[in-house]
Amino acid sequence: MARTLDEGFRLFLDSLTPVGSESDAARNHRESIKECLDSSFGLYAFFLGGSFQNGTSVRECSDVDYFASIVHDSIPDDSASFLAEVGDALDKRFPNTGVAVSDRAVVVPSGSDGNETIRVIPANLIGQTSGGHRIYALADGTGGWMKSSPGAHSACVATLDSRLDGRLKPLIRFLKAWKYFQDVAISSYYLELRCAEYVSGERMIVYTVDLHDVLELLWDDQLAAIQDPKGVSGHISARSAGADKKMAISRLGTALYHTDRAQETAREGRIEEAFRYWNKVFNGHFPAYG
């Protein structure tokens, strides 16, 4: 329980942040995946990426992403068929575990802990940015390939987070928590980019204000695609192919209404009611007032 909204958001952040080091089971699982891919295709590198690398993951919700830099001669023109090949190889190595191709990755479940499930993202090293970060070709979900630089994206978030006293990454976590707890079909990567775009002109972050303003930004452009600020990936869509845009926008509108009411009641000194509205934003996961 918390008496102030600042305390409430501190407690909420604690509940969202993954704790502890990698388990032995997760470590062994990762090494087995790496060995399978190396023997089947040849690997240049196998490295952690995504929200766990960036420090923006949500406990028991975010996927653990590993990029598999495959030897060039093993990469076909059709990314969908290549994902299927990678999926087949991993399915043979981990039978009866539910290995499946999902969008742009191969999901390899393990055990009861969600953090032991790994999303393998096959990647083809094709160059580097002017800042020296590697550029990869990744499956785009439609059979083609898209450019991506996980290192450049991570560095961008880290730089902005440092400038804003370590408050950008928590802001991203809160936005992702809304996505997960309300089951909103919006890409986590897209949300990170929108947050980074939003704070690029900010001098400070106040969670109760800036969460509302980011949601308002998303509402105003109706989840339009965003240009990769590093100029690597081109335009990034908010949703996976086939996702229900109307439902996502509807839930976005509901969240914006609740954050409006949370701000209004807080300004009027009705803190307990403000807590109730923030709890509605996060579908019952925000700390209680008291």
C-alpha atoms as a PDB file:
ATOM      1  CA  MET A   1       0.000   0.000   0.000  1.00  0.00           C
ATOM      2  CA  ALA A   2       1.062   3.604  -0.565  1.00  0.00           C
ATOM      3  CA  ARG A   3       0.081   7.068   0.652  1.00  0.00           C
ATOM      4  CA  THR A   4       1.301   9.130  -2.304  1.00  0.00           C
ATOM      5  CA  LEU A   5       1.262   8.559  -6.052  1.00  0.00           C
ATOM      6  CA  ASP A   6       5.060   8.814  -6.177  1.00  0.00           C
ATOM      7  CA  GLU A   7       5.282   6.010  -3.625  1.00  0.00           C
ATOM      8  CA  GLY A   8       2.669   4.041  -5.540  1.00  0.00           C
ATOM      9  CA  PHE A   9       4.670   4.217  -8.754  1.00  0.00           C
ATOM     10  CA  ARG A  10       7.874   3.243  -6.905  1.00  0.00           C
ATOM     11  CA  LEU A  11       6.160   0.154  -5.491  1.00  0.00           C
ATOM     12  CA  PHE A  12       4.614  -0.614  -8.868  1.00  0.00           C
ATOM     13  CA  LEU A  13       8.014  -0.396 -10.561  1.00  0.00           C
ATOM     14  CA  ASP A  14       9.449  -2.824  -8.007  1.00  0.00           C
ATOM     15  CA  SER A  15       6.684  -5.296  -8.825  1.00  0.00           C
ATOM     16  CA  LEU A  16       7.340  -5.016 -12.583  1.00  0.00           C
ATOM     17  CA  THR A  17      11.132  -5.365 -12.495  1.00  0.00           C
ATOM     18  CA  PRO A  18      12.485  -8.920 -12.947  1.00  0.00           C
ATOM     19  CA  VAL A  19      14.482 -10.115  -9.955  1.00  0.00           C
ATOM     20  CA  GLY A  20      17.325 -12.580  -9.452  1.00  0.00           C
ATOM     21  CA  SER A  21      19.923 -13.933 -11.809  1.00  0.00           C
ATOM     22  CA  GLU A  22      19.430 -16.386 -14.622  1.00  0.00           C
ATOM     23  CA  SER A  23      18.511 -19.853 -13.313  1.00  0.00           C
ATOM     24  CA  ASP A  24      20.612 -22.900 -14.111  1.00  0.00           C
ATOM     25  CA  ALA A  25      17.705 -24.311 -16.101  1.00  0.00           C
ATOM     26  CA  ALA A  26      17.415 -21.143 -18.205  1.00  0.00           C
ATOM     27  CA  ARG A  27      21.191 -21.047 -18.765  1.00  0.00           C
ATOM     28  CA  ASN A  28      21.277 -24.698 -19.857  1.00  0.00           C
ATOM     29  CA  HIS A  29      18.254 -24.149 -22.081  1.00  0.00           C
ATOM     30  CA  ARG A  30      19.958 -21.210 -23.804  1.00  0.00           C
ATOM     31  CA  GLU A  31      23.192 -23.137 -24.329  1.00  0.00           C
ATOM     32  CA  SER A  32      21.304 -26.119 -25.781  1.00  0.00           C
ATOM     33  CA  ILE A  33      19.530 -23.822 -28.261  1.00  0.00           C
ATOM     34  CA  LYS A  34      22.830 -22.242 -29.251  1.00  0.00           C
ATOM     35  CA  GLU A  35      24.485 -25.644 -29.800  1.00  0.00           C
ATOM     36  CA  CYS A  36      21.534 -26.839 -31.898  1.00  0.00           C
ATOM     37  CA  LEU A  37      21.626 -23.790 -34.177  1.00  0.00           C
ATOM     38  CA  ASP A  38      25.391 -23.883 -34.522  1.00  0.00           C
ATOM     39  CA  SER A  39      25.386 -27.539 -35.555  1.00  0.00           C
ATOM     40  CA  SER A  40      22.402 -27.118 -37.894  1.00  0.00           C
ATOM     41  CA  PHE A  41      23.287 -23.833 -39.622  1.00  0.00           C
ATOM     42  CA  GLY A  42      26.489 -22.330 -38.241  1.00  0.00           C
ATOM     43  CA  LEU A  43      26.526 -19.306 -35.937  1.00  0.00           C
ATOM     44  CA  TYR A  44      28.525 -16.110 -35.889  1.00  0.00           C
ATOM     45  CA  ALA A  45      26.929 -14.999 -32.627  1.00  0.00           C
ATOM     46  CA  PHE A  46      24.065 -15.744 -30.245  1.00  0.00           C
ATOM     47  CA  PHE A  47      23.192 -12.808 -28.010  1.00  0.00           C
ATOM     48  CA  LEU A  48      20.522 -11.416 -25.718  1.00  0.00           C
ATOM     49  CA  GLY A  49      18.453  -8.573 -27.149  1.00  0.00           C
ATOM     50  CA  GLY A  50      15.088  -6.923 -26.696  1.00  0.00           C
ATOM     51  CA  SER A  51      13.610  -5.713 -23.430  1.00  0.00           C
ATOM     52  CA  PHE A  52      15.776  -7.845 -21.123  1.00  0.00           C
ATOM     53  CA  GLN A  53      18.899  -6.394 -22.710  1.00  0.00           C
ATOM     54  CA  ASN A  54      17.488  -2.865 -22.612  1.00  0.00           C
ATOM     55  CA  GLY A  55      16.247  -3.016 -19.020  1.00  0.00           C
ATOM     56  CA  THR A  56      12.623  -2.438 -20.034  1.00  0.00           C
ATOM     57  CA  SER A  57      11.153  -5.913 -19.497  1.00  0.00           C
ATOM     58  CA  VAL A  58       8.080  -6.619 -17.362  1.00  0.00           C
ATOM     59  CA  ARG A  59       8.290  -9.425 -14.827  1.00  0.00           C
ATOM     60  CA  GLU A  60       6.542 -12.634 -15.962  1.00  0.00           C
ATOM     61  CA  CYS A  61       5.265 -10.908 -19.125  1.00  0.00           C
ATOM     62  CA  SER A  62       8.119  -9.942 -21.460  1.00  0.00           C
ATOM     63  CA  ASP A  63       9.684 -12.427 -23.833  1.00  0.00           C
ATOM     64  CA  VAL A  64      13.370 -13.307 -23.571  1.00  0.00           C
ATOM     65  CA  ASP A  65      14.772 -12.569 -27.039  1.00  0.00           C
ATOM     66  CA  TYR A  66      17.994 -14.062 -28.376  1.00  0.00           C
ATOM     67  CA  PHE A  67      19.337 -13.057 -31.769  1.00  0.00           C
ATOM     68  CA  ALA A  68      20.979 -15.860 -33.724  1.00  0.00           C
ATOM     69  CA  SER A  69      23.443 -14.484 -36.274  1.00  0.00           C
ATOM     70  CA  ILE A  70      23.447 -17.290 -38.855  1.00  0.00           C
ATOM     71  CA  VAL A  71      26.304 -18.024 -41.263  1.00  0.00           C
ATOM     72  CA  HIS A  72      25.483 -16.166 -44.498  1.00  0.00           C
ATOM     73  CA  ASP A  73      25.427 -19.168 -46.802  1.00  0.00           C
ATOM     74  CA  SER A  74      22.539 -20.589 -44.761  1.00  0.00           C
ATOM     75  CA  ILE A  75      20.161 -17.646 -45.359  1.00  0.00           C
ATOM     76  CA  PRO A  76      17.549 -18.081 -48.157  1.00  0.00           C
ATOM     77  CA  ASP A  77      15.610 -15.296 -49.872  1.00  0.00           C
ATOM     78  CA  ASP A  78      12.312 -16.323 -48.248  1.00  0.00           C
ATOM     79  CA  SER A  79      12.401 -15.481 -44.530  1.00  0.00           C
ATOM     80  CA  ALA A  80       9.213 -17.453 -43.808  1.00  0.00           C
ATOM     81  CA  SER A  81      10.722 -20.679 -45.112  1.00  0.00           C
ATOM     82  CA  PHE A  82      13.901 -20.005 -43.175  1.00  0.00           C
ATOM     83  CA  LEU A  83      11.958 -19.465 -39.946  1.00  0.00           C
ATOM     84  CA  ALA A  84      10.281 -22.797 -40.616  1.00  0.00           C
ATOM     85  CA  GLU A  85      13.682 -24.464 -41.076  1.00  0.00           C
ATOM     86  CA  VAL A  86      14.953 -23.015 -37.799  1.00  0.00           C
ATOM     87  CA  GLY A  87      11.720 -24.086 -36.113  1.00  0.00           C
ATOM     88  CA  ASP A  88      12.078 -27.647 -37.441  1.00  0.00           C
ATOM     89  CA  ALA A  89      15.661 -27.897 -36.215  1.00  0.00           C
ATOM     90  CA  LEU A  90      14.734 -26.689 -32.727  1.00  0.00           C
ATOM     91  CA  ASP A  91      11.622 -28.868 -32.621  1.00  0.00           C
ATOM     92  CA  LYS A  92      13.764 -31.951 -33.266  1.00  0.00           C
ATOM     93  CA  ARG A  93      16.111 -30.888 -30.463  1.00  0.00           C
ATOM     94  CA  PHE A  94      13.255 -30.105 -28.034  1.00  0.00           C
ATOM     95  CA  PRO A  95      10.393 -32.460 -28.986  1.00  0.00           C
ATOM     96  CA  ASN A  96       7.053 -32.239 -27.161  1.00  0.00           C
ATOM     97  CA  THR A  97       7.799 -28.784 -25.718  1.00  0.00           C
ATOM     98  CA  GLY A  98       5.678 -26.759 -28.128  1.00  0.00           C
ATOM     99  CA  VAL A  99       8.339 -25.147 -30.327  1.00  0.00           C
ATOM    100  CA  ALA A 100       6.507 -22.843 -32.737  1.00  0.00           C
ATOM    101  CA  VAL A 101       7.106 -20.105 -35.281  1.00  0.00           C
ATOM    102  CA  SER A 102       5.467 -16.890 -34.079  1.00  0.00           C
ATOM    103  CA  ASP A 103       5.503 -13.793 -36.279  1.00  0.00           C
ATOM    104  CA  ARG A 104       9.246 -13.056 -36.732  1.00  0.00           C
ATOM    105  CA  ALA A 105      10.769 -15.563 -34.319  1.00  0.00           C
ATOM    106  CA  VAL A 106      10.829 -19.168 -33.170  1.00  0.00           C
ATOM    107  CA  VAL A 107       9.489 -19.659 -29.641  1.00  0.00           C
ATOM    108  CA  VAL A 108      11.177 -22.363 -27.572  1.00  0.00           C
ATOM    109  CA  PRO A 109       9.315 -23.016 -24.281  1.00  0.00           C
ATOM    110  CA  SER A 110      10.940 -24.611 -21.263  1.00  0.00           C
ATOM    111  CA  GLY A 111       9.740 -25.331 -17.736  1.00  0.00           C
ATOM    112  CA  SER A 112       7.082 -23.447 -15.797  1.00  0.00           C
ATOM    113  CA  ASP A 113       8.955 -20.138 -15.516  1.00  0.00           C
ATOM    114  CA  GLY A 114       8.073 -17.728 -18.326  1.00  0.00           C
ATOM    115  CA  ASN A 115      11.613 -16.344 -18.233  1.00  0.00           C
ATOM    116  CA  GLU A 116      12.894 -19.737 -19.390  1.00  0.00           C
ATOM    117  CA  THR A 117      10.964 -19.491 -22.655  1.00  0.00           C
ATOM    118  CA  ILE A 118      13.180 -18.050 -25.366  1.00  0.00           C
ATOM    119  CA  ARG A 119      12.256 -16.333 -28.616  1.00  0.00           C
ATOM    120  CA  VAL A 120      14.962 -17.090 -31.174  1.00  0.00           C
ATOM    121  CA  ILE A 121      15.296 -14.377 -33.825  1.00  0.00           C
ATOM    122  CA  PRO A 122      17.332 -15.565 -36.828  1.00  0.00           C
ATOM    123  CA  ALA A 123      19.512 -12.731 -38.134  1.00  0.00           C
ATOM    124  CA  ASN A 124      21.783 -12.095 -41.097  1.00  0.00           C
ATOM    125  CA  LEU A 125      24.654  -9.664 -40.429  1.00  0.00           C
ATOM    126  CA  ILE A 126      24.679  -7.194 -43.344  1.00  0.00           C
ATOM    127  CA  GLY A 127      26.632  -4.143 -42.150  1.00  0.00           C
ATOM    128  CA  GLN A 128      26.969  -1.554 -39.427  1.00  0.00           C
ATOM    129  CA  THR A 129      25.714   1.915 -38.550  1.00  0.00           C
ATOM    130  CA  SER A 130      27.864   5.034 -38.616  1.00  0.00           C
ATOM    131  CA  GLY A 131      28.155   4.607 -34.854  1.00  0.00           C
ATOM    132  CA  GLY A 132      29.620   1.125 -35.235  1.00  0.00           C
ATOM    133  CA  HIS A 133      26.526  -0.881 -34.270  1.00  0.00           C
ATOM    134  CA  ARG A 134      25.840  -4.017 -36.294  1.00  0.00           C
ATOM    135  CA  ILE A 135      22.920  -4.100 -38.719  1.00  0.00           C
ATOM    136  CA  TYR A 136      21.022  -7.343 -39.261  1.00  0.00           C
ATOM    137  CA  ALA A 137      18.373  -8.531 -41.690  1.00  0.00           C
ATOM    138  CA  LEU A 138      15.445 -10.034 -39.756  1.00  0.00           C
ATOM    139  CA  ALA A 139      12.250 -11.715 -40.913  1.00  0.00           C
ATOM    140  CA  ASP A 140       9.567  -9.061 -41.471  1.00  0.00           C
ATOM    141  CA  GLY A 141       6.576 -11.339 -40.884  1.00  0.00           C
ATOM    142  CA  THR A 142       5.522 -11.365 -44.561  1.00  0.00           C
ATOM    143  CA  GLY A 143       8.250 -13.554 -46.068  1.00  0.00           C
ATOM    144  CA  GLY A 144      10.703 -10.741 -46.688  1.00  0.00           C
ATOM    145  CA  TRP A 145      13.480  -9.200 -44.615  1.00  0.00           C
ATOM    146  CA  MET A 146      13.798  -5.988 -42.619  1.00  0.00           C
ATOM    147  CA  LYS A 147      16.878  -4.194 -41.320  1.00  0.00           C
ATOM    148  CA  SER A 148      17.446  -3.853 -37.592  1.00  0.00           C
ATOM    149  CA  SER A 149      20.217  -2.762 -35.252  1.00  0.00           C
ATOM    150  CA  PRO A 150      19.501  -4.000 -31.707  1.00  0.00           C
ATOM    151  CA  GLY A 151      22.698  -2.376 -30.441  1.00  0.00           C
ATOM    152  CA  ALA A 152      21.815   1.044 -31.861  1.00  0.00           C
ATOM    153  CA  HIS A 153      18.322   0.887 -30.367  1.00  0.00           C
ATOM    154  CA  SER A 154      19.655  -0.158 -26.956  1.00  0.00           C
ATOM    155  CA  ALA A 155      22.237   2.646 -27.000  1.00  0.00           C
ATOM    156  CA  CYS A 156      19.572   5.217 -27.924  1.00  0.00           C
ATOM    157  CA  VAL A 157      17.338   4.188 -25.006  1.00  0.00           C
ATOM    158  CA  ALA A 158      20.297   4.114 -22.598  1.00  0.00           C
ATOM    159  CA  THR A 159      21.462   7.605 -23.643  1.00  0.00           C
ATOM    160  CA  LEU A 160      18.012   9.142 -23.207  1.00  0.00           C
ATOM    161  CA  ASP A 161      17.485   7.298 -19.924  1.00  0.00           C
ATOM    162  CA  SER A 162      20.762   8.666 -18.567  1.00  0.00           C
ATOM    163  CA  ARG A 163      19.883  12.225 -19.613  1.00  0.00           C
ATOM    164  CA  LEU A 164      16.510  11.917 -17.854  1.00  0.00           C
ATOM    165  CA  ASP A 165      17.910  10.645 -14.528  1.00  0.00           C
ATOM    166  CA  GLY A 166      17.017   7.014 -15.157  1.00  0.00           C
ATOM    167  CA  ARG A 167      13.298   7.641 -15.593  1.00  0.00           C
ATOM    168  CA  LEU A 168      12.805   6.668 -19.258  1.00  0.00           C
ATOM    169  CA  LYS A 169      13.179   2.912 -18.748  1.00  0.00           C
ATOM    170  CA  PRO A 170      10.592   2.883 -15.932  1.00  0.00           C
ATOM    171  CA  LEU A 171       8.232   4.922 -18.139  1.00  0.00           C
ATOM    172  CA  ILE A 172       8.612   2.285 -20.859  1.00  0.00           C
ATOM    173  CA  ARG A 173       8.001  -0.463 -18.285  1.00  0.00           C
ATOM    174  CA  PHE A 174       4.781   1.219 -17.144  1.00  0.00           C
ATOM    175  CA  LEU A 175       3.550   1.553 -20.728  1.00  0.00           C
ATOM    176  CA  LYS A 176       4.358  -2.090 -21.424  1.00  0.00           C
ATOM    177  CA  ALA A 177       2.622  -3.095 -18.178  1.00  0.00           C
ATOM    178  CA  TRP A 178      -0.555  -1.439 -19.470  1.00  0.00           C
ATOM    179  CA  LYS A 179      -0.164  -3.358 -22.733  1.00  0.00           C
ATOM    180  CA  TYR A 180       0.291  -6.719 -21.006  1.00  0.00           C
ATOM    181  CA  PHE A 181      -2.240  -6.310 -18.198  1.00  0.00           C
ATOM    182  CA  GLN A 182      -4.941  -5.044 -20.566  1.00  0.00           C
ATOM    183  CA  ASP A 183      -4.008  -7.489 -23.366  1.00  0.00           C
ATOM    184  CA  VAL A 184      -3.468  -4.755 -25.951  1.00  0.00           C
ATOM    185  CA  ALA A 185      -2.131  -5.965 -29.302  1.00  0.00           C
ATOM    186  CA  ILE A 186       0.661  -3.399 -29.701  1.00  0.00           C
ATOM    187  CA  SER A 187       4.326  -4.217 -30.346  1.00  0.00           C
ATOM    188  CA  SER A 188       6.596  -3.699 -27.319  1.00  0.00           C
ATOM    189  CA  TYR A 189       9.339  -2.470 -29.666  1.00  0.00           C
ATOM    190  CA  TYR A 190       6.934   0.106 -31.088  1.00  0.00           C
ATOM    191  CA  LEU A 191       6.094   1.333 -27.584  1.00  0.00           C
ATOM    192  CA  GLU A 192       9.797   1.742 -26.802  1.00  0.00           C
ATOM    193  CA  LEU A 193      10.298   3.796 -29.945  1.00  0.00           C
ATOM    194  CA  ARG A 194       7.267   5.979 -29.223  1.00  0.00           C
ATOM    195  CA  CYS A 195       8.497   6.633 -25.676  1.00  0.00           C
ATOM    196  CA  ALA A 196      11.980   7.474 -26.946  1.00  0.00           C
ATOM    197  CA  GLU A 197      10.497   9.798 -29.563  1.00  0.00           C
ATOM    198  CA  TYR A 198       8.294  11.484 -26.964  1.00  0.00           C
ATOM    199  CA  VAL A 199      11.037  12.120 -24.379  1.00  0.00           C
ATOM    200  CA  SER A 200      13.594  13.357 -26.916  1.00  0.00           C
ATOM    201  CA  GLY A 201      12.296  16.876 -26.357  1.00  0.00           C
ATOM    202  CA  GLU A 202      11.627  16.545 -22.619  1.00  0.00           C
ATOM    203  CA  ARG A 203      13.824  17.828 -19.788  1.00  0.00           C
ATOM    204  CA  MET A 204      12.279  15.681 -17.047  1.00  0.00           C
ATOM    205  CA  ILE A 205       9.799  12.837 -16.596  1.00  0.00           C
ATOM    206  CA  VAL A 206       6.883  12.815 -14.145  1.00  0.00           C
ATOM    207  CA  TYR A 207       5.182   9.440 -14.432  1.00  0.00           C
ATOM    208  CA  THR A 208       1.622  10.605 -13.720  1.00  0.00           C
ATOM    209  CA  VAL A 209       1.953  13.298 -16.401  1.00  0.00           C
ATOM    210  CA  ASP A 210       4.070  11.600 -19.029  1.00  0.00           C
ATOM    211  CA  LEU A 211       2.203   8.288 -19.057  1.00  0.00           C
ATOM    212  CA  HIS A 212      -0.938  10.237 -19.899  1.00  0.00           C
ATOM    213  CA  ASP A 213       0.876  12.273 -22.556  1.00  0.00           C
ATOM    214  CA  VAL A 214       2.395   9.226 -24.264  1.00  0.00           C
ATOM    215  CA  LEU A 215      -1.016   7.547 -24.371  1.00  0.00           C
ATOM    216  CA  GLU A 216      -2.457  10.774 -25.802  1.00  0.00           C
ATOM    217  CA  LEU A 217       0.279  10.821 -28.455  1.00  0.00           C
ATOM    218  CA  LEU A 218      -0.624   7.250 -29.445  1.00  0.00           C
ATOM    219  CA  TRP A 219      -4.307   8.168 -29.553  1.00  0.00           C
ATOM    220  CA  ASP A 220      -3.826  11.316 -31.603  1.00  0.00           C
ATOM    221  CA  ASP A 221      -2.130   9.479 -34.469  1.00  0.00           C
ATOM    222  CA  GLN A 222      -4.232   6.303 -34.024  1.00  0.00           C
ATOM    223  CA  LEU A 223      -1.194   4.020 -33.681  1.00  0.00           C
ATOM    224  CA  ALA A 224       0.389   5.150 -36.949  1.00  0.00           C
ATOM    225  CA  ALA A 225       3.682   3.568 -37.985  1.00  0.00           C
ATOM    226  CA  ILE A 226       6.807   5.311 -36.707  1.00  0.00           C
ATOM    227  CA  GLN A 227      10.090   5.994 -38.446  1.00  0.00           C
ATOM    228  CA  ASP A 228      13.079   4.313 -36.792  1.00  0.00           C
ATOM    229  CA  PRO A 229      14.965   7.276 -35.262  1.00  0.00           C
ATOM    230  CA  LYS A 230      18.282   5.674 -36.222  1.00  0.00           C
ATOM    231  CA  GLY A 231      17.181   5.305 -39.846  1.00  0.00           C
ATOM    232  CA  VAL A 232      17.901   1.573 -39.940  1.00  0.00           C
ATOM    233  CA  SER A 233      14.535  -0.211 -39.909  1.00  0.00           C
ATOM    234  CA  GLY A 234      12.401   2.228 -41.876  1.00  0.00           C
ATOM    235  CA  HIS A 235       8.798   2.443 -40.701  1.00  0.00           C
ATOM    236  CA  ILE A 236       7.809   0.328 -37.670  1.00  0.00           C
ATOM    237  CA  SER A 237       4.218  -0.858 -37.399  1.00  0.00           C
ATOM    238  CA  ALA A 238       2.379  -0.733 -34.093  1.00  0.00           C
ATOM    239  CA  ARG A 239       0.837  -4.159 -34.561  1.00  0.00           C
ATOM    240  CA  SER A 240       1.624  -7.600 -35.874  1.00  0.00           C
ATOM    241  CA  ALA A 241      -0.064  -8.721 -39.069  1.00  0.00           C
ATOM    242  CA  GLY A 242      -3.667  -9.687 -38.384  1.00  0.00           C
ATOM    243  CA  ALA A 243      -3.906  -7.916 -35.000  1.00  0.00           C
ATOM    244  CA  ASP A 244      -7.209  -6.178 -34.218  1.00  0.00           C
ATOM    245  CA  LYS A 245      -6.525  -2.443 -34.586  1.00  0.00           C
ATOM    246  CA  LYS A 246     -10.022  -1.386 -33.512  1.00  0.00           C
ATOM    247  CA  MET A 247      -9.700  -3.303 -30.237  1.00  0.00           C
ATOM    248  CA  ALA A 248      -6.235  -1.845 -29.555  1.00  0.00           C
ATOM    249  CA  ILE A 249      -7.480   1.700 -30.180  1.00  0.00           C
ATOM    250  CA  SER A 250     -10.556   1.095 -28.026  1.00  0.00           C
ATOM    251  CA  ARG A 251      -8.400  -0.018 -25.085  1.00  0.00           C
ATOM    252  CA  LEU A 252      -6.083   2.914 -25.702  1.00  0.00           C
ATOM    253  CA  GLY A 253      -9.049   5.289 -25.462  1.00  0.00           C
ATOM    254  CA  THR A 254     -10.186   3.670 -22.212  1.00  0.00           C
ATOM    255  CA  ALA A 255      -6.700   4.042 -20.701  1.00  0.00           C
ATOM    256  CA  LEU A 256      -6.534   7.679 -21.752  1.00  0.00           C
ATOM    257  CA  TYR A 257      -9.907   8.369 -20.090  1.00  0.00           C
ATOM    258  CA  HIS A 258      -8.744   6.744 -16.837  1.00  0.00           C
ATOM    259  CA  THR A 259      -5.461   8.669 -16.814  1.00  0.00           C
ATOM    260  CA  ASP A 260      -7.427  11.893 -17.428  1.00  0.00           C
ATOM    261  CA  ARG A 261      -9.586  11.135 -14.404  1.00  0.00           C
ATOM    262  CA  ALA A 262      -6.552  10.122 -12.331  1.00  0.00           C
ATOM    263  CA  GLN A 263      -4.898  13.461 -13.039  1.00  0.00           C
ATOM    264  CA  GLU A 264      -8.086  15.431 -12.357  1.00  0.00           C
ATOM    265  CA  THR A 265      -8.816  13.754  -9.022  1.00  0.00           C
ATOM    266  CA  ALA A 266      -5.179  14.126  -7.929  1.00  0.00           C
ATOM    267  CA  ARG A 267      -5.266  17.862  -8.696  1.00  0.00           C
ATOM    268  CA  GLU A 268      -8.380  18.130  -6.547  1.00  0.00           C
ATOM    269  CA  GLY A 269      -6.645  16.376  -3.666  1.00  0.00           C
ATOM    270  CA  ARG A 270      -8.709  13.179  -3.969  1.00  0.00           C
ATOM    271  CA  ILE A 271      -5.659  10.921  -3.867  1.00  0.00           C
ATOM    272  CA  GLU A 272      -7.462   7.714  -2.957  1.00  0.00           C
ATOM    273  CA  GLU A 273      -9.716   8.119  -5.985  1.00  0.00           C
ATOM    274  CA  ALA A 274      -6.673   8.850  -8.178  1.00  0.00           C
ATOM    275  CA  PHE A 275      -5.216   5.543  -7.014  1.00  0.00           C
ATOM    276  CA  ARG A 276      -8.421   3.794  -8.069  1.00  0.00           C
ATOM    277  CA  TYR A 277      -8.179   5.259 -11.570  1.00  0.00           C
ATOM    278  CA  TRP A 278      -4.529   4.243 -11.942  1.00  0.00           C
ATOM    279  CA  ASN A 279      -5.571   0.771 -10.809  1.00  0.00           C
ATOM    280  CA  LYS A 280      -8.110   0.711 -13.628  1.00  0.00           C
ATOM    281  CA  VAL A 281      -5.392   1.684 -16.116  1.00  0.00           C
ATOM    282  CA  PHE A 282      -3.328  -1.325 -15.035  1.00  0.00           C
ATOM    283  CA  ASN A 283      -6.235  -3.738 -14.614  1.00  0.00           C
ATOM    284  CA  GLY A 284      -5.911  -4.217 -10.868  1.00  0.00           C
ATOM    285  CA  HIS A 285      -2.105  -4.380 -10.604  1.00  0.00           C
ATOM    286  CA  PHE A 286      -1.390  -0.876  -9.274  1.00  0.00           C
ATOM    287  CA  PRO A 287      -0.696  -0.616  -5.509  1.00  0.00           C
ATOM    288  CA  ALA A 288      -3.624   0.203  -3.238  1.00  0.00           C
ATOM    289  CA  TYR A 289      -3.942   3.448  -1.328  1.00  0.00           C
ATOM    290  CA  GLY A 290      -3.432   3.240   2.409  1.00  0.00           C
END
